[in-house]
Amino acid sequence: MREEDIRKRDIFNRYLDLARKDAEEFFANRSRFIDIHCPACNSEKHQYEFNKYGFTYVSCPICHTLFVNPRPAFDDLIRFYADSPSTHYWVEEFFKPVAEVRREKIFRPRAEYVTKVLPNLNNGVIGDIGAGFGIFLEEIRRLWPSRLIAIEPSIDQAEICRDKGIEVQCCALEELQGFENEFDLLTCFELFEHLHTPVDFVQRVFKLLKPGGHFLMTTLNGQGFDIQLLWGKSKSISPPQHINFFNTASITLLLQRCGFQIVDVSTPGKLDWDIVEGMIKNESIRLERFWHLLADKSDHSSKQELQRWITKFNLSSHMRVLARK
């Protein structure tokens, strides 16, 4: 898999440009920004890292989580996701054209992972938080006769799920009522980096799961290879969308302090080097000389071996977490 397969460079760059302009409009009143503690360990300490598009990123000296602080008020973030032109562009121009490719390369493998590691859930209640177009749930339905619930606050995307015959709760997770101790599995994919208050989200997930139920999530690893190399230049670091960058240790800490047992934390990413190479070759990013040498001179097999090493030692920026209540 290559980055260009799942997100076209020119479309992605246009989306980021629109989001940057939207941020100037939606978050012009910085007096509404609030100071927070570390979203992982709740430490009051932090150190400045960099500023991007007017948003300040800091890191926790204790657990090394990278996060935006101060950050927009919760209501302002919700309004941005509901009403901004960049959000509409993401759905119509960014995601829809590659939806079927993502089904094959991302959502289907996720469904197969679930059936492999949690085989006893084949008749369980499974909820996907931020279900979007419902592709993950469609892939689960293809494999299992489970009760599937899309938890999706977007009216338009919730309707897409309904049209596919998926049960829908059209609300944010924090607003979901009547499902305490109901779910055998809750999932969220590429959502955690967006959350205003991650601890509140995790606590709500814990309450909704049955005893022994599982929580599966993917998110960005702030200590991942491409993010560490590119740092403030990384496209993954894109405020106001991506405001939390946990790592394998800090996400473990957060989940444990909310009552979860960790089953697995890994970084099965496949795109770290491809992302870095793309930035070097296509966007004139300057890094240390060795990385330019690798991009220009090395053969395909050596780059594949580097990516395997990154994945093996949990150094990819794509992180997967499975936890149990």
C-alpha atoms as a PDB file:
ATOM      1  CA  MET A   1       0.000   0.000   0.000  1.00  0.00           C
ATOM      2  CA  ARG A   2       1.154   3.524  -0.819  1.00  0.00           C
ATOM      3  CA  GLU A   3      -0.015   6.859   0.514  1.00  0.00           C
ATOM      4  CA  GLU A   4      -1.265   7.871  -2.943  1.00  0.00           C
ATOM      5  CA  ASP A   5      -3.624   4.857  -2.925  1.00  0.00           C
ATOM      6  CA  ILE A   6      -5.691   6.147  -0.013  1.00  0.00           C
ATOM      7  CA  ARG A   7      -5.253   9.916  -0.263  1.00  0.00           C
ATOM      8  CA  LYS A   8      -4.388  11.769  -3.447  1.00  0.00           C
ATOM      9  CA  ARG A   9      -1.672  14.321  -2.763  1.00  0.00           C
ATOM     10  CA  ASP A  10      -3.251  17.257  -4.585  1.00  0.00           C
ATOM     11  CA  ILE A  11      -6.681  16.636  -3.040  1.00  0.00           C
ATOM     12  CA  PHE A  12      -5.184  16.199   0.441  1.00  0.00           C
ATOM     13  CA  ASN A  13      -3.185  19.423   0.113  1.00  0.00           C
ATOM     14  CA  ARG A  14      -6.283  21.282  -1.023  1.00  0.00           C
ATOM     15  CA  TYR A  15      -8.204  19.954   1.965  1.00  0.00           C
ATOM     16  CA  LEU A  16      -5.486  21.064   4.388  1.00  0.00           C
ATOM     17  CA  ASP A  17      -5.401  24.496   2.792  1.00  0.00           C
ATOM     18  CA  LEU A  18      -9.168  24.852   3.146  1.00  0.00           C
ATOM     19  CA  ALA A  19      -9.012  23.687   6.763  1.00  0.00           C
ATOM     20  CA  ARG A  20      -6.328  26.263   7.525  1.00  0.00           C
ATOM     21  CA  LYS A  21      -8.502  29.031   6.088  1.00  0.00           C
ATOM     22  CA  ASP A  22     -11.555  27.733   7.956  1.00  0.00           C
ATOM     23  CA  ALA A  23      -9.574  27.763  11.188  1.00  0.00           C
ATOM     24  CA  GLU A  24      -8.872  31.466  10.760  1.00  0.00           C
ATOM     25  CA  GLU A  25     -12.608  32.113  10.525  1.00  0.00           C
ATOM     26  CA  PHE A  26     -14.012  29.645  13.055  1.00  0.00           C
ATOM     27  CA  PHE A  27     -11.373  30.241  15.740  1.00  0.00           C
ATOM     28  CA  ALA A  28     -10.600  33.921  15.295  1.00  0.00           C
ATOM     29  CA  ASN A  29     -11.657  34.642  18.880  1.00  0.00           C
ATOM     30  CA  ARG A  30      -8.725  33.171  20.804  1.00  0.00           C
ATOM     31  CA  SER A  31     -10.190  34.400  24.093  1.00  0.00           C
ATOM     32  CA  ARG A  32     -12.450  31.333  23.923  1.00  0.00           C
ATOM     33  CA  PHE A  33      -9.464  28.958  23.953  1.00  0.00           C
ATOM     34  CA  ILE A  34      -8.981  27.027  27.180  1.00  0.00           C
ATOM     35  CA  ASP A  35      -5.895  25.708  28.964  1.00  0.00           C
ATOM     36  CA  ILE A  36      -5.827  21.990  29.696  1.00  0.00           C
ATOM     37  CA  HIS A  37      -3.714  19.456  31.564  1.00  0.00           C
ATOM     38  CA  CYS A  38      -2.022  16.614  29.723  1.00  0.00           C
ATOM     39  CA  PRO A  39      -4.842  14.565  28.120  1.00  0.00           C
ATOM     40  CA  ALA A  40      -3.041  11.317  28.970  1.00  0.00           C
ATOM     41  CA  CYS A  41      -1.598  11.610  32.478  1.00  0.00           C
ATOM     42  CA  ASN A  42      -3.320  14.839  33.646  1.00  0.00           C
ATOM     43  CA  SER A  43      -0.012  16.519  34.479  1.00  0.00           C
ATOM     44  CA  GLU A  44      -0.085  20.302  34.710  1.00  0.00           C
ATOM     45  CA  LYS A  45       3.446  20.478  33.303  1.00  0.00           C
ATOM     46  CA  HIS A  46       4.157  20.960  29.634  1.00  0.00           C
ATOM     47  CA  GLN A  47       6.835  22.363  27.364  1.00  0.00           C
ATOM     48  CA  TYR A  48       6.472  24.344  24.154  1.00  0.00           C
ATOM     49  CA  GLU A  49       7.206  22.498  20.905  1.00  0.00           C
ATOM     50  CA  PHE A  50       6.000  24.636  17.988  1.00  0.00           C
ATOM     51  CA  ASN A  51       3.212  26.797  16.628  1.00  0.00           C
ATOM     52  CA  LYS A  52       1.244  25.786  13.543  1.00  0.00           C
ATOM     53  CA  TYR A  53      -1.464  27.889  11.891  1.00  0.00           C
ATOM     54  CA  GLY A  54      -1.844  29.830  15.122  1.00  0.00           C
ATOM     55  CA  PHE A  55      -2.258  26.735  17.331  1.00  0.00           C
ATOM     56  CA  THR A  56       0.352  25.976  19.977  1.00  0.00           C
ATOM     57  CA  TYR A  57       1.589  22.413  20.377  1.00  0.00           C
ATOM     58  CA  VAL A  58       3.167  21.397  23.670  1.00  0.00           C
ATOM     59  CA  SER A  59       4.468  18.102  25.016  1.00  0.00           C
ATOM     60  CA  CYS A  60       4.138  16.494  28.417  1.00  0.00           C
ATOM     61  CA  PRO A  61       7.575  15.958  30.035  1.00  0.00           C
ATOM     62  CA  ILE A  62       6.194  12.952  31.932  1.00  0.00           C
ATOM     63  CA  CYS A  63       4.411  10.819  29.298  1.00  0.00           C
ATOM     64  CA  HIS A  64       5.560  12.668  26.130  1.00  0.00           C
ATOM     65  CA  THR A  65       2.078  13.188  24.720  1.00  0.00           C
ATOM     66  CA  LEU A  66       1.969  15.993  22.130  1.00  0.00           C
ATOM     67  CA  PHE A  67      -1.152  18.159  22.231  1.00  0.00           C
ATOM     68  CA  VAL A  68      -2.672  21.535  21.420  1.00  0.00           C
ATOM     69  CA  ASN A  69      -2.765  23.815  24.454  1.00  0.00           C
ATOM     70  CA  PRO A  70      -4.662  26.070  24.830  1.00  0.00           C
ATOM     71  CA  ARG A  71      -7.336  24.605  22.592  1.00  0.00           C
ATOM     72  CA  PRO A  72     -10.696  25.725  21.185  1.00  0.00           C
ATOM     73  CA  ALA A  73     -13.835  25.357  23.247  1.00  0.00           C
ATOM     74  CA  PHE A  74     -15.774  22.128  22.656  1.00  0.00           C
ATOM     75  CA  ASP A  75     -18.772  23.907  21.097  1.00  0.00           C
ATOM     76  CA  ASP A  76     -16.527  25.754  18.644  1.00  0.00           C
ATOM     77  CA  LEU A  77     -14.910  22.504  17.513  1.00  0.00           C
ATOM     78  CA  ILE A  78     -18.317  20.898  16.976  1.00  0.00           C
ATOM     79  CA  ARG A  79     -19.426  23.899  14.910  1.00  0.00           C
ATOM     80  CA  PHE A  80     -16.261  23.669  12.812  1.00  0.00           C
ATOM     81  CA  TYR A  81     -16.868  19.991  11.999  1.00  0.00           C
ATOM     82  CA  ALA A  82     -20.534  20.581  11.262  1.00  0.00           C
ATOM     83  CA  ASP A  83     -20.383  23.735   9.170  1.00  0.00           C
ATOM     84  CA  SER A  84     -16.932  24.319   7.682  1.00  0.00           C
ATOM     85  CA  PRO A  85     -16.341  24.155   3.899  1.00  0.00           C
ATOM     86  CA  SER A  86     -13.289  21.971   4.512  1.00  0.00           C
ATOM     87  CA  THR A  87     -15.443  19.327   6.194  1.00  0.00           C
ATOM     88  CA  HIS A  88     -17.765  19.212   3.184  1.00  0.00           C
ATOM     89  CA  TYR A  89     -14.746  19.017   0.865  1.00  0.00           C
ATOM     90  CA  TRP A  90     -13.311  16.127   2.896  1.00  0.00           C
ATOM     91  CA  VAL A  91     -16.505  14.091   2.452  1.00  0.00           C
ATOM     92  CA  GLU A  92     -17.205  14.880  -1.193  1.00  0.00           C
ATOM     93  CA  GLU A  93     -13.761  15.274  -2.748  1.00  0.00           C
ATOM     94  CA  PHE A  94     -11.315  13.544  -0.421  1.00  0.00           C
ATOM     95  CA  PHE A  95     -13.078  10.465   0.943  1.00  0.00           C
ATOM     96  CA  LYS A  96     -15.741   9.450  -1.612  1.00  0.00           C
ATOM     97  CA  PRO A  97     -13.343   8.969  -4.567  1.00  0.00           C
ATOM     98  CA  VAL A  98     -11.134   6.586  -2.573  1.00  0.00           C
ATOM     99  CA  ALA A  99     -13.833   4.945  -0.433  1.00  0.00           C
ATOM    100  CA  GLU A 100     -13.697   1.578  -2.201  1.00  0.00           C
ATOM    101  CA  VAL A 101      -9.901   1.523  -2.191  1.00  0.00           C
ATOM    102  CA  ARG A 102      -9.983   2.218   1.529  1.00  0.00           C
ATOM    103  CA  ARG A 103     -12.539  -0.568   1.944  1.00  0.00           C
ATOM    104  CA  GLU A 104     -10.107  -3.050   0.425  1.00  0.00           C
ATOM    105  CA  LYS A 105      -6.893  -1.806   2.011  1.00  0.00           C
ATOM    106  CA  ILE A 106      -8.078  -0.515   5.408  1.00  0.00           C
ATOM    107  CA  PHE A 107     -11.621  -1.442   6.477  1.00  0.00           C
ATOM    108  CA  ARG A 108     -11.681  -5.061   5.321  1.00  0.00           C
ATOM    109  CA  PRO A 109      -8.400  -5.910   7.107  1.00  0.00           C
ATOM    110  CA  ARG A 110      -9.774  -4.255  10.251  1.00  0.00           C
ATOM    111  CA  ALA A 111     -12.891  -6.409  10.149  1.00  0.00           C
ATOM    112  CA  GLU A 112     -10.782  -9.511   9.591  1.00  0.00           C
ATOM    113  CA  TYR A 113      -8.581  -8.535  12.544  1.00  0.00           C
ATOM    114  CA  VAL A 114     -11.648  -8.309  14.785  1.00  0.00           C
ATOM    115  CA  THR A 115     -12.945 -11.731  13.744  1.00  0.00           C
ATOM    116  CA  LYS A 116      -9.502 -13.213  14.355  1.00  0.00           C
ATOM    117  CA  VAL A 117      -8.741 -11.773  17.805  1.00  0.00           C
ATOM    118  CA  LEU A 118     -12.332 -11.717  19.149  1.00  0.00           C
ATOM    119  CA  PRO A 119     -13.977 -14.808  17.611  1.00  0.00           C
ATOM    120  CA  ASN A 120     -16.597 -15.080  20.373  1.00  0.00           C
ATOM    121  CA  LEU A 121     -18.241 -11.809  19.340  1.00  0.00           C
ATOM    122  CA  ASN A 122     -19.837 -13.210  16.208  1.00  0.00           C
ATOM    123  CA  ASN A 123     -23.306 -12.714  17.729  1.00  0.00           C
ATOM    124  CA  GLY A 124     -22.463  -9.678  19.829  1.00  0.00           C
ATOM    125  CA  VAL A 125     -23.457  -6.019  19.795  1.00  0.00           C
ATOM    126  CA  ILE A 126     -20.869  -3.940  17.948  1.00  0.00           C
ATOM    127  CA  GLY A 127     -20.867  -0.163  17.730  1.00  0.00           C
ATOM    128  CA  ASP A 128     -18.630   1.945  15.503  1.00  0.00           C
ATOM    129  CA  ILE A 129     -18.116   5.472  16.827  1.00  0.00           C
ATOM    130  CA  GLY A 130     -17.850   8.013  14.054  1.00  0.00           C
ATOM    131  CA  ALA A 131     -18.957   5.367  11.580  1.00  0.00           C
ATOM    132  CA  GLY A 132     -18.886   7.696   8.574  1.00  0.00           C
ATOM    133  CA  PHE A 133     -20.116   5.813   5.512  1.00  0.00           C
ATOM    134  CA  GLY A 134     -20.478   2.583   7.527  1.00  0.00           C
ATOM    135  CA  ILE A 135     -17.838   0.719   5.545  1.00  0.00           C
ATOM    136  CA  PHE A 136     -16.272  -1.023   8.557  1.00  0.00           C
ATOM    137  CA  LEU A 137     -19.693  -2.237   9.722  1.00  0.00           C
ATOM    138  CA  GLU A 138     -20.503  -3.444   6.225  1.00  0.00           C
ATOM    139  CA  GLU A 139     -17.339  -5.533   6.275  1.00  0.00           C
ATOM    140  CA  ILE A 140     -18.175  -6.961   9.714  1.00  0.00           C
ATOM    141  CA  ARG A 141     -21.683  -7.811   8.468  1.00  0.00           C
ATOM    142  CA  ARG A 142     -20.142  -9.718   5.571  1.00  0.00           C
ATOM    143  CA  LEU A 143     -18.348 -11.952   8.105  1.00  0.00           C
ATOM    144  CA  TRP A 144     -20.662 -12.070  11.135  1.00  0.00           C
ATOM    145  CA  PRO A 145     -24.400 -11.984  12.023  1.00  0.00           C
ATOM    146  CA  SER A 146     -23.845  -9.419  14.793  1.00  0.00           C
ATOM    147  CA  ARG A 147     -26.079  -6.514  15.787  1.00  0.00           C
ATOM    148  CA  LEU A 148     -24.296  -3.519  14.285  1.00  0.00           C
ATOM    149  CA  ILE A 149     -24.827   0.090  15.360  1.00  0.00           C
ATOM    150  CA  ALA A 150     -23.368   3.166  13.680  1.00  0.00           C
ATOM    151  CA  ILE A 151     -22.814   6.012  16.145  1.00  0.00           C
ATOM    152  CA  GLU A 152     -22.526   8.949  13.766  1.00  0.00           C
ATOM    153  CA  PRO A 153     -23.310  12.603  14.556  1.00  0.00           C
ATOM    154  CA  SER A 154     -23.335  13.757  10.921  1.00  0.00           C
ATOM    155  CA  ILE A 155     -26.900  13.747   9.610  1.00  0.00           C
ATOM    156  CA  ASP A 156     -25.766  13.149   6.029  1.00  0.00           C
ATOM    157  CA  GLN A 157     -23.425  10.270   6.874  1.00  0.00           C
ATOM    158  CA  ALA A 158     -25.934   8.745   9.280  1.00  0.00           C
ATOM    159  CA  GLU A 159     -28.415   8.639   6.387  1.00  0.00           C
ATOM    160  CA  ILE A 160     -25.837   6.868   4.218  1.00  0.00           C
ATOM    161  CA  CYS A 161     -25.532   4.195   6.923  1.00  0.00           C
ATOM    162  CA  ARG A 162     -29.313   3.826   7.152  1.00  0.00           C
ATOM    163  CA  ASP A 163     -29.534   3.398   3.399  1.00  0.00           C
ATOM    164  CA  LYS A 164     -27.147   0.452   3.777  1.00  0.00           C
ATOM    165  CA  GLY A 165     -29.485  -1.180   6.303  1.00  0.00           C
ATOM    166  CA  ILE A 166     -27.311  -0.359   9.322  1.00  0.00           C
ATOM    167  CA  GLU A 167     -28.885   0.608  12.633  1.00  0.00           C
ATOM    168  CA  VAL A 168     -27.944   4.213  13.434  1.00  0.00           C
ATOM    169  CA  GLN A 169     -27.703   6.423  16.491  1.00  0.00           C
ATOM    170  CA  CYS A 170     -27.283   9.916  15.027  1.00  0.00           C
ATOM    171  CA  CYS A 171     -25.428  11.611  17.858  1.00  0.00           C
ATOM    172  CA  ALA A 172     -22.008  12.095  19.375  1.00  0.00           C
ATOM    173  CA  LEU A 173     -20.870   9.312  21.682  1.00  0.00           C
ATOM    174  CA  GLU A 174     -21.181  11.615  24.687  1.00  0.00           C
ATOM    175  CA  GLU A 175     -24.860  12.131  23.830  1.00  0.00           C
ATOM    176  CA  LEU A 176     -25.751   8.443  23.405  1.00  0.00           C
ATOM    177  CA  GLN A 177     -28.442   7.401  25.866  1.00  0.00           C
ATOM    178  CA  GLY A 178     -29.846   4.048  26.955  1.00  0.00           C
ATOM    179  CA  PHE A 179     -26.932   1.809  26.014  1.00  0.00           C
ATOM    180  CA  GLU A 180     -25.022   1.457  29.292  1.00  0.00           C
ATOM    181  CA  ASN A 181     -23.431  -2.014  29.624  1.00  0.00           C
ATOM    182  CA  GLU A 182     -24.873  -2.885  26.202  1.00  0.00           C
ATOM    183  CA  PHE A 183     -21.973  -3.252  23.787  1.00  0.00           C
ATOM    184  CA  ASP A 184     -19.649  -6.221  23.378  1.00  0.00           C
ATOM    185  CA  LEU A 185     -17.317  -4.137  21.208  1.00  0.00           C
ATOM    186  CA  LEU A 186     -16.943  -0.428  20.530  1.00  0.00           C
ATOM    187  CA  THR A 187     -14.591   0.802  17.843  1.00  0.00           C
ATOM    188  CA  CYS A 188     -13.277   4.182  16.747  1.00  0.00           C
ATOM    189  CA  PHE A 189     -10.854   4.726  13.896  1.00  0.00           C
ATOM    190  CA  GLU A 190      -8.835   7.881  13.297  1.00  0.00           C
ATOM    191  CA  LEU A 191     -11.052   9.736  15.755  1.00  0.00           C
ATOM    192  CA  PHE A 192      -9.013   9.981  18.945  1.00  0.00           C
ATOM    193  CA  GLU A 193      -6.656  12.651  17.611  1.00  0.00           C
ATOM    194  CA  HIS A 194      -9.695  14.924  17.089  1.00  0.00           C
ATOM    195  CA  LEU A 195     -11.209  14.688  20.576  1.00  0.00           C
ATOM    196  CA  HIS A 196     -11.536  17.766  22.733  1.00  0.00           C
ATOM    197  CA  THR A 197     -11.393  15.851  26.038  1.00  0.00           C
ATOM    198  CA  PRO A 198     -10.147  12.263  25.492  1.00  0.00           C
ATOM    199  CA  VAL A 199     -10.608  11.175  29.120  1.00  0.00           C
ATOM    200  CA  ASP A 200     -14.349  11.965  29.004  1.00  0.00           C
ATOM    201  CA  PHE A 201     -14.660   9.966  25.791  1.00  0.00           C
ATOM    202  CA  VAL A 202     -12.862   6.924  27.239  1.00  0.00           C
ATOM    203  CA  GLN A 203     -14.926   7.017  30.426  1.00  0.00           C
ATOM    204  CA  ARG A 204     -18.108   7.062  28.349  1.00  0.00           C
ATOM    205  CA  VAL A 205     -16.877   4.094  26.272  1.00  0.00           C
ATOM    206  CA  PHE A 206     -16.193   2.201  29.516  1.00  0.00           C
ATOM    207  CA  LYS A 207     -19.766   2.762  30.740  1.00  0.00           C
ATOM    208  CA  LEU A 208     -21.317   1.631  27.465  1.00  0.00           C
ATOM    209  CA  LEU A 209     -19.402  -1.661  27.304  1.00  0.00           C
ATOM    210  CA  LYS A 210     -20.563  -4.852  28.967  1.00  0.00           C
ATOM    211  CA  PRO A 211     -18.241  -6.274  31.625  1.00  0.00           C
ATOM    212  CA  GLY A 212     -15.594  -8.068  29.599  1.00  0.00           C
ATOM    213  CA  GLY A 213     -16.416  -5.972  26.534  1.00  0.00           C
ATOM    214  CA  HIS A 214     -13.684  -4.642  24.273  1.00  0.00           C
ATOM    215  CA  PHE A 215     -12.641  -1.277  22.887  1.00  0.00           C
ATOM    216  CA  LEU A 216     -10.695  -1.180  19.613  1.00  0.00           C
ATOM    217  CA  MET A 217      -9.232   2.076  18.355  1.00  0.00           C
ATOM    218  CA  THR A 218      -6.673   3.394  15.915  1.00  0.00           C
ATOM    219  CA  THR A 219      -5.012   6.774  16.205  1.00  0.00           C
ATOM    220  CA  LEU A 220      -1.814   8.634  15.418  1.00  0.00           C
ATOM    221  CA  ASN A 221       1.318   7.833  17.406  1.00  0.00           C
ATOM    222  CA  GLY A 222       3.156  11.050  18.206  1.00  0.00           C
ATOM    223  CA  GLN A 223       6.370   9.063  18.592  1.00  0.00           C
ATOM    224  CA  GLY A 224       5.932   7.444  15.177  1.00  0.00           C
ATOM    225  CA  PHE A 225       8.632   7.545  12.524  1.00  0.00           C
ATOM    226  CA  ASP A 226       7.241  10.021  10.008  1.00  0.00           C
ATOM    227  CA  ILE A 227       5.798  12.360  12.639  1.00  0.00           C
ATOM    228  CA  GLN A 228       9.089  12.462  14.522  1.00  0.00           C
ATOM    229  CA  LEU A 229      11.084  13.132  11.356  1.00  0.00           C
ATOM    230  CA  LEU A 230       8.759  15.749   9.886  1.00  0.00           C
ATOM    231  CA  TRP A 231       7.536  17.162  13.227  1.00  0.00           C
ATOM    232  CA  GLY A 232       5.951  20.585  12.697  1.00  0.00           C
ATOM    233  CA  LYS A 233       6.037  20.020   8.925  1.00  0.00           C
ATOM    234  CA  SER A 234       4.045  16.789   9.189  1.00  0.00           C
ATOM    235  CA  LYS A 235       0.661  16.877   7.470  1.00  0.00           C
ATOM    236  CA  SER A 236      -0.653  14.628  10.227  1.00  0.00           C
ATOM    237  CA  ILE A 237      -0.126  17.546  12.595  1.00  0.00           C
ATOM    238  CA  SER A 238      -2.978  19.604  11.188  1.00  0.00           C
ATOM    239  CA  PRO A 239      -4.901  21.847  13.560  1.00  0.00           C
ATOM    240  CA  PRO A 240      -7.714  22.261  14.325  1.00  0.00           C
ATOM    241  CA  GLN A 241      -8.453  18.648  13.319  1.00  0.00           C
ATOM    242  CA  HIS A 242      -5.566  16.788  14.968  1.00  0.00           C
ATOM    243  CA  ILE A 243      -4.989  18.094  18.465  1.00  0.00           C
ATOM    244  CA  ASN A 244      -3.918  14.956  20.415  1.00  0.00           C
ATOM    245  CA  PHE A 245      -0.902  12.774  19.671  1.00  0.00           C
ATOM    246  CA  PHE A 246      -0.647   9.968  22.190  1.00  0.00           C
ATOM    247  CA  ASN A 247       2.064   7.304  22.069  1.00  0.00           C
ATOM    248  CA  THR A 248       2.080   3.622  22.998  1.00  0.00           C
ATOM    249  CA  ALA A 249       2.927   4.376  26.632  1.00  0.00           C
ATOM    250  CA  SER A 250       0.618   7.346  27.154  1.00  0.00           C
ATOM    251  CA  ILE A 251      -2.451   5.745  25.556  1.00  0.00           C
ATOM    252  CA  THR A 252      -1.885   2.762  27.838  1.00  0.00           C
ATOM    253  CA  LEU A 253      -1.730   5.099  30.816  1.00  0.00           C
ATOM    254  CA  LEU A 254      -4.978   6.854  29.889  1.00  0.00           C
ATOM    255  CA  LEU A 255      -6.937   3.655  29.303  1.00  0.00           C
ATOM    256  CA  GLN A 256      -5.694   2.071  32.509  1.00  0.00           C
ATOM    257  CA  ARG A 257      -6.615   5.063  34.639  1.00  0.00           C
ATOM    258  CA  CYS A 258     -10.128   4.826  33.155  1.00  0.00           C
ATOM    259  CA  GLY A 259     -10.406   1.185  34.260  1.00  0.00           C
ATOM    260  CA  PHE A 260      -9.407  -0.725  31.118  1.00  0.00           C
ATOM    261  CA  GLN A 261      -7.064  -3.680  30.830  1.00  0.00           C
ATOM    262  CA  ILE A 262      -4.744  -3.505  27.837  1.00  0.00           C
ATOM    263  CA  VAL A 263      -4.914  -6.470  25.483  1.00  0.00           C
ATOM    264  CA  ASP A 264      -2.617  -5.141  22.788  1.00  0.00           C
ATOM    265  CA  VAL A 265      -0.919  -1.916  21.729  1.00  0.00           C
ATOM    266  CA  SER A 266       0.907  -2.040  18.422  1.00  0.00           C
ATOM    267  CA  THR A 267       1.800   0.099  15.420  1.00  0.00           C
ATOM    268  CA  PRO A 268       0.975  -1.922  12.292  1.00  0.00           C
ATOM    269  CA  GLY A 269       1.553   1.021   9.967  1.00  0.00           C
ATOM    270  CA  LYS A 270       2.728   0.577   6.388  1.00  0.00           C
ATOM    271  CA  LEU A 271       3.178   4.137   5.151  1.00  0.00           C
ATOM    272  CA  ASP A 272       5.764   5.841   7.365  1.00  0.00           C
ATOM    273  CA  TRP A 273       8.650   5.786   4.918  1.00  0.00           C
ATOM    274  CA  ASP A 274       6.379   6.360   1.929  1.00  0.00           C
ATOM    275  CA  ILE A 275       5.067   9.525   3.600  1.00  0.00           C
ATOM    276  CA  VAL A 276       8.576  10.818   4.320  1.00  0.00           C
ATOM    277  CA  GLU A 277       9.814   9.974   0.829  1.00  0.00           C
ATOM    278  CA  GLY A 278       6.810  11.703  -0.700  1.00  0.00           C
ATOM    279  CA  MET A 279       7.506  14.872   1.257  1.00  0.00           C
ATOM    280  CA  ILE A 280      11.161  14.838   0.172  1.00  0.00           C
ATOM    281  CA  LYS A 281      10.512  14.158  -3.503  1.00  0.00           C
ATOM    282  CA  ASN A 282       7.268  16.041  -4.094  1.00  0.00           C
ATOM    283  CA  GLU A 283       7.161  18.864  -1.569  1.00  0.00           C
ATOM    284  CA  SER A 284      10.813  19.905  -1.170  1.00  0.00           C
ATOM    285  CA  ILE A 285      11.006  19.133   2.535  1.00  0.00           C
ATOM    286  CA  ARG A 286      14.599  19.299   3.811  1.00  0.00           C
ATOM    287  CA  LEU A 287      15.667  16.735   6.401  1.00  0.00           C
ATOM    288  CA  GLU A 288      19.032  15.347   7.496  1.00  0.00           C
ATOM    289  CA  ARG A 289      21.156  14.247   4.538  1.00  0.00           C
ATOM    290  CA  PHE A 290      20.816  10.502   5.177  1.00  0.00           C
ATOM    291  CA  TRP A 291      17.066  10.528   4.528  1.00  0.00           C
ATOM    292  CA  HIS A 292      17.555  12.254   1.180  1.00  0.00           C
ATOM    293  CA  LEU A 293      20.178   9.663   0.304  1.00  0.00           C
ATOM    294  CA  LEU A 294      17.748   6.866   1.161  1.00  0.00           C
ATOM    295  CA  ALA A 295      14.988   8.484  -0.885  1.00  0.00           C
ATOM    296  CA  ASP A 296      17.199   9.027  -3.940  1.00  0.00           C
ATOM    297  CA  LYS A 297      19.553   6.053  -3.991  1.00  0.00           C
ATOM    298  CA  SER A 298      18.141   3.054  -2.164  1.00  0.00           C
ATOM    299  CA  ASP A 299      16.234   0.287  -3.903  1.00  0.00           C
ATOM    300  CA  HIS A 300      12.665  -0.722  -3.163  1.00  0.00           C
ATOM    301  CA  SER A 301      13.610  -3.745  -1.043  1.00  0.00           C
ATOM    302  CA  SER A 302      15.694  -1.683   1.383  1.00  0.00           C
ATOM    303  CA  LYS A 303      12.804   0.724   1.883  1.00  0.00           C
ATOM    304  CA  GLN A 304      10.439  -2.172   2.498  1.00  0.00           C
ATOM    305  CA  GLU A 305      12.851  -3.568   5.065  1.00  0.00           C
ATOM    306  CA  LEU A 306      12.993  -0.196   6.818  1.00  0.00           C
ATOM    307  CA  GLN A 307       9.193  -0.105   7.024  1.00  0.00           C
ATOM    308  CA  ARG A 308       9.098  -3.651   8.418  1.00  0.00           C
ATOM    309  CA  TRP A 309      11.605  -2.612  11.090  1.00  0.00           C
ATOM    310  CA  ILE A 310       9.535   0.466  11.977  1.00  0.00           C
ATOM    311  CA  THR A 311       6.418  -1.663  12.370  1.00  0.00           C
ATOM    312  CA  LYS A 312       8.135  -4.487  14.273  1.00  0.00           C
ATOM    313  CA  PHE A 313       9.464  -2.178  16.984  1.00  0.00           C
ATOM    314  CA  ASN A 314       6.236  -0.168  17.445  1.00  0.00           C
ATOM    315  CA  LEU A 315       7.662   2.967  15.846  1.00  0.00           C
ATOM    316  CA  SER A 316       5.006   3.566  13.195  1.00  0.00           C
ATOM    317  CA  SER A 317       2.792   6.642  13.398  1.00  0.00           C
ATOM    318  CA  HIS A 318      -0.296   4.424  12.885  1.00  0.00           C
ATOM    319  CA  MET A 319      -1.240   2.969  16.291  1.00  0.00           C
ATOM    320  CA  ARG A 320      -3.814   0.265  17.089  1.00  0.00           C
ATOM    321  CA  VAL A 321      -5.090  -0.396  20.620  1.00  0.00           C
ATOM    322  CA  LEU A 322      -7.294  -3.179  21.946  1.00  0.00           C
ATOM    323  CA  ALA A 323      -8.495  -2.944  25.542  1.00  0.00           C
ATOM    324  CA  ARG A 324     -10.963  -4.851  27.729  1.00  0.00           C
ATOM    325  CA  LYS A 325     -13.391  -3.635  30.381  1.00  0.00           C
END
